[in-house]
N, C-alpha and C. Protein backbone atom coordinates (compact mmCIF):
# COMPACT_ATOMS: atom_id res chain seq x y z
N MET A 1 -3.73 -20.02 -3.09
CA MET A 1 -2.50 -20.59 -2.22
C MET A 1 -1.23 -20.50 -2.61
N SER A 2 -0.27 -20.49 -1.91
CA SER A 2 1.28 -20.85 -2.21
C SER A 2 1.64 -21.80 -2.59
N ASP A 3 1.83 -22.32 -3.94
CA ASP A 3 2.54 -23.53 -4.00
C ASP A 3 3.95 -23.51 -4.22
N GLY A 4 4.75 -22.90 -3.45
CA GLY A 4 5.71 -22.91 -3.54
C GLY A 4 6.55 -22.80 -4.15
N ARG A 5 6.44 -22.24 -5.28
CA ARG A 5 7.41 -21.74 -6.19
C ARG A 5 7.71 -20.05 -5.81
N PRO A 6 8.32 -19.75 -6.18
CA PRO A 6 8.87 -18.10 -6.11
C PRO A 6 8.05 -17.25 -6.70
N HIS A 7 7.59 -16.33 -6.18
CA HIS A 7 6.68 -15.35 -6.92
C HIS A 7 7.18 -14.38 -7.87
N LYS A 8 7.17 -14.16 -8.87
CA LYS A 8 7.59 -13.18 -9.65
C LYS A 8 7.49 -11.66 -9.48
N VAL A 9 8.80 -10.61 -9.30
CA VAL A 9 8.50 -9.33 -9.21
C VAL A 9 6.98 -8.78 -9.85
N LYS A 10 6.50 -8.05 -8.73
CA LYS A 10 5.56 -7.14 -9.76
C LYS A 10 5.47 -5.39 -9.19
N ASP A 11 5.40 -5.01 -9.64
CA ASP A 11 5.63 -3.57 -10.01
C ASP A 11 4.28 -2.98 -9.29
N ILE A 12 4.45 -2.48 -7.90
CA ILE A 12 3.49 -2.21 -7.05
C ILE A 12 3.33 -0.43 -7.29
N PHE A 13 3.85 -0.29 -8.02
CA PHE A 13 3.80 1.41 -8.42
C PHE A 13 2.68 1.86 -9.27
N VAL A 14 2.01 3.24 -8.88
CA VAL A 14 0.86 3.20 -9.81
C VAL A 14 1.16 5.45 -9.74
N GLU A 15 1.10 5.58 -10.86
CA GLU A 15 1.26 7.33 -11.07
C GLU A 15 -0.02 7.57 -10.51
N GLY A 16 0.16 8.72 -9.84
CA GLY A 16 -1.31 9.56 -9.64
C GLY A 16 -1.78 8.77 -8.19
N ALA A 17 -3.40 9.27 -7.72
CA ALA A 17 -3.94 8.65 -6.84
C ALA A 17 -4.41 7.05 -7.34
N ILE A 18 -4.88 6.62 -6.62
CA ILE A 18 -5.85 5.13 -6.78
C ILE A 18 -7.26 5.61 -6.52
N PRO A 19 -7.36 5.29 -7.41
CA PRO A 19 -9.01 5.36 -7.67
C PRO A 19 -9.82 4.52 -7.02
N ALA A 20 -11.19 5.33 -6.54
CA ALA A 20 -11.75 3.92 -5.96
C ALA A 20 -12.14 2.89 -7.06
N SER A 21 -12.46 3.36 -8.43
CA SER A 21 -12.92 2.31 -9.14
C SER A 21 -11.94 1.07 -9.09
N PHE A 22 -10.83 1.24 -9.28
CA PHE A 22 -9.73 0.45 -9.08
C PHE A 22 -9.49 -0.65 -7.98
N ILE A 23 -9.86 0.20 -6.78
CA ILE A 23 -10.54 -1.06 -5.72
C ILE A 23 -11.68 -1.79 -5.96
N ALA A 24 -12.46 -0.97 -6.76
CA ALA A 24 -13.88 -2.24 -6.74
C ALA A 24 -13.55 -3.12 -7.87
N GLU A 25 -12.67 -2.98 -8.85
CA GLU A 25 -12.06 -3.87 -9.92
C GLU A 25 -11.49 -4.93 -9.15
N ASN A 26 -10.72 -4.82 -8.45
CA ASN A 26 -9.91 -5.48 -7.95
C ASN A 26 -10.37 -6.83 -6.97
N ILE A 27 -11.81 -6.11 -6.33
CA ILE A 27 -12.35 -6.95 -5.50
C ILE A 27 -13.38 -7.87 -6.35
N ALA A 28 -13.98 -7.30 -7.26
CA ALA A 28 -14.66 -7.77 -8.42
C ALA A 28 -14.13 -9.34 -9.43
N LYS A 29 -13.09 -8.97 -9.37
CA LYS A 29 -11.75 -9.86 -10.26
C LYS A 29 -11.89 -11.08 -9.29
N HIS A 30 -12.33 -11.26 -8.29
CA HIS A 30 -12.39 -12.20 -7.53
C HIS A 30 -13.70 -12.73 -6.94
N ALA A 31 -14.40 -12.53 -7.57
CA ALA A 31 -15.75 -12.55 -7.55
C ALA A 31 -16.26 -14.12 -7.77
N THR A 32 -15.49 -15.03 -8.75
CA THR A 32 -15.41 -16.41 -9.05
C THR A 32 -14.89 -17.37 -8.23
N ARG A 33 -14.24 -17.18 -7.38
CA ARG A 33 -12.96 -17.72 -6.44
C ARG A 33 -14.05 -18.17 -5.47
N THR A 34 -14.37 -19.21 -5.46
CA THR A 34 -15.13 -19.80 -4.39
C THR A 34 -14.62 -20.70 -2.79
N ASP A 35 -12.74 -20.60 -3.12
CA ASP A 35 -12.17 -21.20 -2.19
C ASP A 35 -11.89 -19.74 -1.36
N ILE A 36 -12.49 -18.29 -1.69
CA ILE A 36 -12.06 -17.60 -0.79
C ILE A 36 -13.23 -17.54 0.04
N GLY A 37 -13.19 -16.66 1.17
CA GLY A 37 -14.02 -16.90 2.07
C GLY A 37 -13.83 -15.12 2.77
N ALA A 38 -12.83 -14.77 2.85
CA ALA A 38 -12.60 -13.26 3.20
C ALA A 38 -11.86 -12.56 2.58
N HIS A 39 -11.87 -11.25 2.53
CA HIS A 39 -11.09 -10.38 2.13
C HIS A 39 -10.71 -8.98 3.15
N GLU A 40 -9.59 -8.50 3.04
CA GLU A 40 -9.21 -7.70 3.48
C GLU A 40 -8.24 -6.58 2.69
N ILE A 41 -8.72 -5.26 3.52
CA ILE A 41 -8.10 -4.20 2.74
C ILE A 41 -7.85 -3.18 3.37
N PHE A 42 -6.30 -2.42 3.20
CA PHE A 42 -6.34 -1.63 3.79
C PHE A 42 -5.93 -0.27 2.79
N LEU A 43 -6.36 0.80 3.10
CA LEU A 43 -6.51 1.63 2.47
C LEU A 43 -5.84 3.26 2.36
N GLY A 44 -4.46 3.64 2.67
CA GLY A 44 -3.87 4.70 3.22
C GLY A 44 -4.40 6.07 2.42
N GLN A 45 -4.66 7.33 2.82
CA GLN A 45 -5.25 8.18 2.06
C GLN A 45 -4.22 9.77 2.54
N VAL A 46 -4.24 10.55 2.01
CA VAL A 46 -3.19 11.57 2.42
C VAL A 46 -4.16 12.58 3.18
N ARG A 47 -3.64 12.76 4.29
CA ARG A 47 -4.24 13.94 5.24
C ARG A 47 -3.73 15.05 5.22
N ALA A 48 -4.59 16.01 5.33
CA ALA A 48 -4.63 17.49 6.04
C ALA A 48 -3.71 17.64 6.93
N ASP A 49 -2.67 17.02 7.15
CA ASP A 49 -2.55 17.50 8.70
C ASP A 49 -1.94 19.09 8.67
N VAL A 50 -1.88 19.23 10.19
CA VAL A 50 -1.43 20.66 10.34
C VAL A 50 0.21 20.20 10.89
N VAL A 51 1.02 21.36 9.97
CA VAL A 51 2.93 20.92 10.49
C VAL A 51 3.20 22.04 11.91
N PRO A 52 3.17 21.74 13.13
CA PRO A 52 3.47 22.33 13.81
C PRO A 52 4.76 23.67 13.81
N SER A 53 5.44 23.21 13.44
CA SER A 53 6.76 23.81 12.98
C SER A 53 6.52 25.03 11.72
N VAL A 54 5.47 24.76 11.00
CA VAL A 54 5.29 26.10 10.11
C VAL A 54 3.88 26.90 10.29
N GLN A 55 4.05 27.97 10.27
CA GLN A 55 2.75 28.87 10.21
C GLN A 55 1.81 28.52 9.31
N ASP A 56 0.57 28.12 10.03
CA ASP A 56 -0.44 27.83 8.95
C ASP A 56 -0.10 26.75 8.02
N GLY A 57 1.16 25.90 8.25
CA GLY A 57 1.44 25.02 7.45
C GLY A 57 0.68 23.69 7.46
N ARG A 58 -0.87 23.65 6.27
CA ARG A 58 -1.44 22.40 6.19
C ARG A 58 -0.70 21.44 5.04
N VAL A 59 -0.70 20.40 5.10
CA VAL A 59 -0.32 19.32 4.11
C VAL A 59 -1.39 19.58 3.09
N GLN A 60 -1.15 19.92 1.67
CA GLN A 60 -2.13 20.12 0.75
C GLN A 60 -2.20 18.86 -0.14
N ALA A 61 -0.66 18.01 0.01
CA ALA A 61 -0.73 17.19 -0.96
C ALA A 61 0.59 16.25 -0.27
N ILE A 62 1.30 15.27 -0.88
CA ILE A 62 2.24 14.50 -0.46
C ILE A 62 2.99 14.03 -2.16
N GLU A 63 4.02 14.42 -2.34
CA GLU A 63 4.86 14.18 -3.65
C GLU A 63 5.43 13.04 -3.22
N PHE A 64 4.90 11.62 -3.80
CA PHE A 64 5.50 10.07 -3.37
C PHE A 64 6.75 9.97 -4.82
N THR A 65 8.15 9.43 -4.08
CA THR A 65 8.94 8.94 -4.87
C THR A 65 9.59 7.75 -4.34
N ALA A 66 10.51 7.00 -4.98
CA ALA A 66 10.91 5.67 -4.69
C ALA A 66 11.88 5.10 -5.12
N TYR A 67 13.02 4.36 -4.44
CA TYR A 67 13.97 3.85 -5.20
C TYR A 67 13.42 2.16 -5.80
N ARG A 68 12.90 2.69 -6.90
CA ARG A 68 11.93 1.75 -7.65
C ARG A 68 12.45 -0.03 -7.60
N GLU A 69 13.64 -0.10 -7.81
CA GLU A 69 14.20 -0.80 -8.16
C GLU A 69 14.83 -2.07 -6.88
N MET A 70 14.89 -1.05 -5.68
CA MET A 70 15.39 -1.75 -4.46
C MET A 70 13.77 -2.10 -3.90
N ALA A 71 13.08 -0.70 -4.20
CA ALA A 71 12.01 -0.97 -3.52
C ALA A 71 10.86 -2.42 -3.94
N LEU A 72 11.22 -2.53 -5.22
CA LEU A 72 10.22 -4.04 -5.83
C LEU A 72 11.08 -5.67 -5.23
N GLU A 73 12.32 -4.84 -5.39
CA GLU A 73 13.09 -6.41 -4.51
C GLU A 73 12.71 -6.44 -3.30
N ARG A 74 12.74 -5.69 -2.28
CA ARG A 74 12.13 -5.78 -1.27
C ARG A 74 10.66 -6.36 -0.85
N MET A 75 9.68 -5.45 -1.90
CA MET A 75 8.70 -5.95 -1.66
C MET A 75 8.17 -7.44 -2.38
N THR A 76 9.09 -8.03 -2.99
CA THR A 76 8.92 -9.35 -3.40
C THR A 76 9.57 -10.17 -2.29
N ILE A 77 10.40 -9.96 -1.37
CA ILE A 77 11.12 -10.46 -0.47
C ILE A 77 9.43 -10.61 0.79
N ILE A 78 9.07 -9.72 0.90
CA ILE A 78 7.90 -9.38 1.87
C ILE A 78 6.90 -10.23 1.18
N ARG A 79 6.64 -10.17 0.54
CA ARG A 79 5.51 -10.90 0.00
C ARG A 79 5.54 -12.52 -0.36
N GLU A 80 7.11 -12.91 -0.59
CA GLU A 80 6.94 -14.70 -0.28
C GLU A 80 6.99 -14.78 1.52
N GLU A 81 7.73 -14.26 2.12
CA GLU A 81 7.28 -13.87 3.71
C GLU A 81 5.88 -14.16 4.24
N ALA A 82 5.06 -13.22 3.52
CA ALA A 82 3.74 -13.79 3.94
C ALA A 82 2.90 -14.48 3.56
N PHE A 83 3.34 -15.37 2.50
CA PHE A 83 2.79 -16.04 1.75
C PHE A 83 3.55 -17.62 2.90
N THR A 84 4.27 -17.24 2.95
CA THR A 84 5.06 -18.35 4.12
C THR A 84 4.38 -18.20 5.23
N LYS A 85 4.14 -17.34 5.93
CA LYS A 85 3.13 -16.91 7.56
C LYS A 85 1.66 -17.50 6.85
N TRP A 86 1.08 -17.22 5.68
CA TRP A 86 -0.15 -17.53 5.89
C TRP A 86 -0.46 -18.23 4.44
N PRO A 87 -0.10 -19.50 4.98
CA PRO A 87 -0.29 -20.43 3.24
C PRO A 87 -1.33 -20.37 2.62
N ALA A 88 -2.24 -20.54 3.34
CA ALA A 88 -3.92 -20.67 2.90
C ALA A 88 -4.13 -19.35 1.76
N MET A 89 -3.22 -17.89 2.11
CA MET A 89 -3.86 -16.88 1.57
C MET A 89 -3.68 -17.32 0.06
N THR A 90 -4.90 -16.83 -0.72
CA THR A 90 -5.06 -16.89 -1.81
C THR A 90 -4.50 -16.12 -2.59
N CYS A 91 -4.33 -14.92 -2.35
CA CYS A 91 -3.92 -13.50 -3.09
C CYS A 91 -3.47 -12.32 -2.49
N LEU A 92 -2.57 -11.48 -2.88
CA LEU A 92 -1.74 -10.54 -2.43
C LEU A 92 -1.82 -9.27 -3.05
N HIS A 93 -2.32 -8.18 -2.75
CA HIS A 93 -2.07 -7.06 -4.06
C HIS A 93 -1.93 -5.76 -2.76
N VAL A 94 -0.91 -5.23 -3.89
CA VAL A 94 -0.17 -4.23 -3.00
C VAL A 94 0.23 -3.31 -4.26
N HIS A 95 -0.90 -1.74 -3.98
CA HIS A 95 -0.26 -0.60 -4.52
C HIS A 95 0.08 0.61 -3.91
N HIS A 96 0.88 1.06 -4.40
CA HIS A 96 1.73 2.75 -4.19
C HIS A 96 1.93 3.37 -5.05
N SER A 97 0.87 4.83 -4.62
CA SER A 97 1.09 5.92 -5.84
C SER A 97 2.55 6.57 -5.91
N LEU A 98 3.00 6.66 -6.72
CA LEU A 98 4.01 7.66 -7.16
C LEU A 98 3.72 9.40 -7.68
N GLY A 99 4.20 10.17 -7.43
CA GLY A 99 3.89 11.49 -7.60
C GLY A 99 3.01 12.22 -6.66
N CYS A 100 2.20 13.08 -7.25
CA CYS A 100 1.49 14.43 -6.46
C CYS A 100 0.27 14.05 -6.36
N ILE A 101 -0.08 13.26 -4.80
CA ILE A 101 -1.12 13.08 -4.17
C ILE A 101 -1.77 14.15 -3.28
N LYS A 102 -3.01 14.59 -3.85
CA LYS A 102 -3.83 15.68 -2.91
C LYS A 102 -4.36 15.24 -1.50
N ALA A 103 -4.35 16.19 -0.59
CA ALA A 103 -5.05 15.57 0.48
C ALA A 103 -6.27 14.76 0.16
N GLY A 104 -6.80 14.14 0.58
CA GLY A 104 -8.11 13.27 0.29
C GLY A 104 -8.13 11.97 -0.36
N GLU A 105 -6.89 11.76 -1.23
CA GLU A 105 -6.71 11.07 -2.54
C GLU A 105 -6.25 9.44 -1.80
N LEU A 106 -6.56 8.34 -2.35
CA LEU A 106 -5.59 7.37 -1.93
C LEU A 106 -4.45 7.33 -2.54
N CYS A 107 -3.56 6.58 -1.64
CA CYS A 107 -2.32 6.76 -2.19
C CYS A 107 -1.61 4.96 -1.88
N PHE A 108 -2.21 3.90 -1.06
CA PHE A 108 -1.41 3.22 -0.74
C PHE A 108 -2.53 1.91 -0.59
N MET A 109 -2.54 0.98 -1.33
CA MET A 109 -3.59 -0.15 -1.10
C MET A 109 -2.95 -1.55 -0.72
N VAL A 110 -3.15 -2.20 0.41
CA VAL A 110 -2.83 -3.66 0.29
C VAL A 110 -4.35 -4.59 0.57
N PHE A 111 -4.19 -5.49 -0.26
CA PHE A 111 -5.70 -6.55 -0.30
C PHE A 111 -5.35 -7.38 -0.52
N ALA A 112 -5.90 -8.38 0.48
CA ALA A 112 -5.17 -9.87 0.86
C ALA A 112 -6.96 -11.07 0.78
N SER A 113 -6.63 -12.12 0.28
CA SER A 113 -7.89 -12.93 0.09
C SER A 113 -7.17 -14.42 1.02
N ALA A 114 -7.94 -14.94 1.71
CA ALA A 114 -7.94 -16.05 2.38
C ALA A 114 -9.14 -16.87 2.32
N PRO A 115 -8.89 -18.07 3.05
CA PRO A 115 -10.29 -18.81 2.81
C PRO A 115 -11.07 -17.99 4.36
N HIS A 116 -10.15 -17.44 5.48
CA HIS A 116 -10.93 -17.38 6.84
C HIS A 116 -10.54 -15.80 6.99
N ARG A 117 -11.01 -14.85 7.78
CA ARG A 117 -10.78 -13.58 7.52
C ARG A 117 -9.66 -12.75 8.84
N ILE A 118 -8.81 -13.96 9.57
CA ILE A 118 -8.17 -13.85 10.93
C ILE A 118 -6.78 -13.89 9.89
N GLN A 119 -6.44 -15.22 8.81
CA GLN A 119 -5.33 -14.73 8.07
C GLN A 119 -5.38 -13.72 6.95
N ALA A 120 -6.38 -12.96 6.36
CA ALA A 120 -6.78 -12.29 5.50
C ALA A 120 -6.05 -10.73 6.64
N ARG A 121 -6.81 -10.90 7.71
CA ARG A 121 -6.67 -9.41 8.33
C ARG A 121 -5.38 -9.51 8.86
N GLU A 122 -4.44 -10.87 9.29
CA GLU A 122 -3.24 -10.65 9.72
C GLU A 122 -2.35 -10.60 8.80
N ALA A 123 -2.73 -10.87 7.67
CA ALA A 123 -1.40 -10.58 6.49
C ALA A 123 -1.60 -9.29 6.35
N VAL A 124 -2.64 -8.16 5.94
CA VAL A 124 -2.46 -7.22 5.88
C VAL A 124 -2.14 -6.51 6.66
N ALA A 125 -2.41 -6.36 7.63
CA ALA A 125 -2.00 -5.74 9.12
C ALA A 125 -0.12 -5.62 8.87
N TRP A 126 0.27 -6.99 8.73
CA TRP A 126 2.00 -7.35 8.87
C TRP A 126 2.61 -6.63 7.38
N VAL A 127 2.10 -6.61 6.35
CA VAL A 127 2.34 -6.42 5.25
C VAL A 127 2.44 -4.99 5.40
N VAL A 128 1.69 -4.40 5.95
CA VAL A 128 1.25 -2.80 5.88
C VAL A 128 2.49 -2.54 6.36
N ASP A 129 2.71 -3.03 7.89
CA ASP A 129 3.94 -2.72 8.89
C ASP A 129 5.09 -2.62 7.86
N ARG A 130 5.24 -3.76 7.55
CA ARG A 130 6.52 -4.47 6.77
C ARG A 130 7.48 -3.10 5.77
N ILE A 131 6.09 -2.88 4.84
CA ILE A 131 5.99 -1.86 4.04
C ILE A 131 6.39 -0.55 4.40
N LYS A 132 5.90 -0.26 5.43
CA LYS A 132 6.06 1.58 5.99
C LYS A 132 7.50 1.61 6.33
N ALA A 133 7.99 0.22 7.02
CA ALA A 133 8.92 0.27 7.63
C ALA A 133 10.18 -0.05 7.17
N GLU A 134 9.92 -0.77 5.67
CA GLU A 134 11.31 -1.61 4.72
C GLU A 134 11.18 -0.74 3.47
N LEU A 135 10.64 -0.38 3.14
CA LEU A 135 10.75 0.02 1.59
C LEU A 135 11.24 1.20 1.46
N PRO A 136 12.04 1.88 0.35
CA PRO A 136 12.52 2.87 0.55
C PRO A 136 11.90 3.88 -0.74
N ILE A 137 10.53 4.28 0.06
CA ILE A 137 9.47 4.97 -0.50
C ILE A 137 9.24 6.39 0.59
N PHE A 138 9.35 7.67 -0.48
CA PHE A 138 9.95 9.10 0.34
C PHE A 138 8.33 9.67 -0.23
N GLY A 139 8.03 10.45 1.22
CA GLY A 139 6.76 11.52 0.76
C GLY A 139 7.84 12.78 1.08
N ARG A 140 6.97 13.47 0.22
CA ARG A 140 7.87 15.27 0.76
C ARG A 140 6.12 16.11 0.89
N GLU A 141 5.89 16.27 1.71
CA GLU A 141 4.29 16.99 2.04
C GLU A 141 4.50 18.37 1.60
N ILE A 142 3.75 18.73 0.63
CA ILE A 142 3.57 20.01 0.79
C ILE A 142 2.57 21.04 1.22
N LEU A 143 2.72 22.00 1.73
CA LEU A 143 2.35 22.50 2.54
C LEU A 143 1.63 23.60 1.85
N SER A 144 0.83 24.48 2.62
CA SER A 144 -0.20 25.49 2.12
C SER A 144 0.29 26.60 1.38
N ASP A 145 1.41 26.92 2.49
CA ASP A 145 2.30 27.70 2.18
C ASP A 145 3.66 27.79 0.97
N ALA A 146 3.35 26.26 0.35
CA ALA A 146 4.35 25.94 -1.11
C ALA A 146 5.61 25.51 -0.68
N SER A 147 5.86 25.57 0.94
CA SER A 147 7.05 25.16 1.38
C SER A 147 6.78 23.55 1.19
N HIS A 148 7.60 22.64 1.76
CA HIS A 148 7.53 20.94 2.05
C HIS A 148 8.55 20.94 3.33
N VAL A 149 8.02 19.38 3.92
CA VAL A 149 8.60 18.91 4.72
C VAL A 149 8.74 17.42 4.54
N TRP A 150 9.69 16.96 4.94
CA TRP A 150 9.55 14.94 4.32
C TRP A 150 8.78 14.39 5.46
N LYS A 151 8.26 13.49 4.96
CA LYS A 151 7.13 13.10 6.13
C LYS A 151 8.09 12.04 6.38
N THR A 152 7.83 11.56 7.97
CA THR A 152 8.47 10.73 8.38
C THR A 152 7.37 9.25 8.78
N ASN A 153 7.24 8.22 8.76
CA ASN A 153 6.47 7.15 9.20
C ASN A 153 6.74 6.91 10.94
N SER A 154 5.72 6.89 11.27
CA SER A 154 5.25 6.48 12.79
C SER A 154 5.26 5.39 13.05
């Protein structure tokens, strides 16, 4: 639960792909919390999209970079707003990859816990949308022909 104090800046960035074991560890850490009734998790995975403007251009990986300080400052504000909107939420974890992440690997995770599922579900959807729209995180899609295009969020 939010106790009214500002949250400290948390580094959301991880080098490389997010391993499934990391997700399992995050869930396991909450097993002793009896005030939690629901967890909601969003996992972003690199797709092997076809880029129509490039002949045989299929995404092999995305190389993520970020304006780290600006992104972490903005993420702290988003986090504060989330705890204000859903004061019963017990926790919110966000992790985003930096570096080259291959198609099929996980690159983004938002995990929220709350007493009830609707709070966790709404918070995760809201946080994901805000991150995608506001954080200065950039993805350079590496294509099968070794060229690249800059990813745009839709």
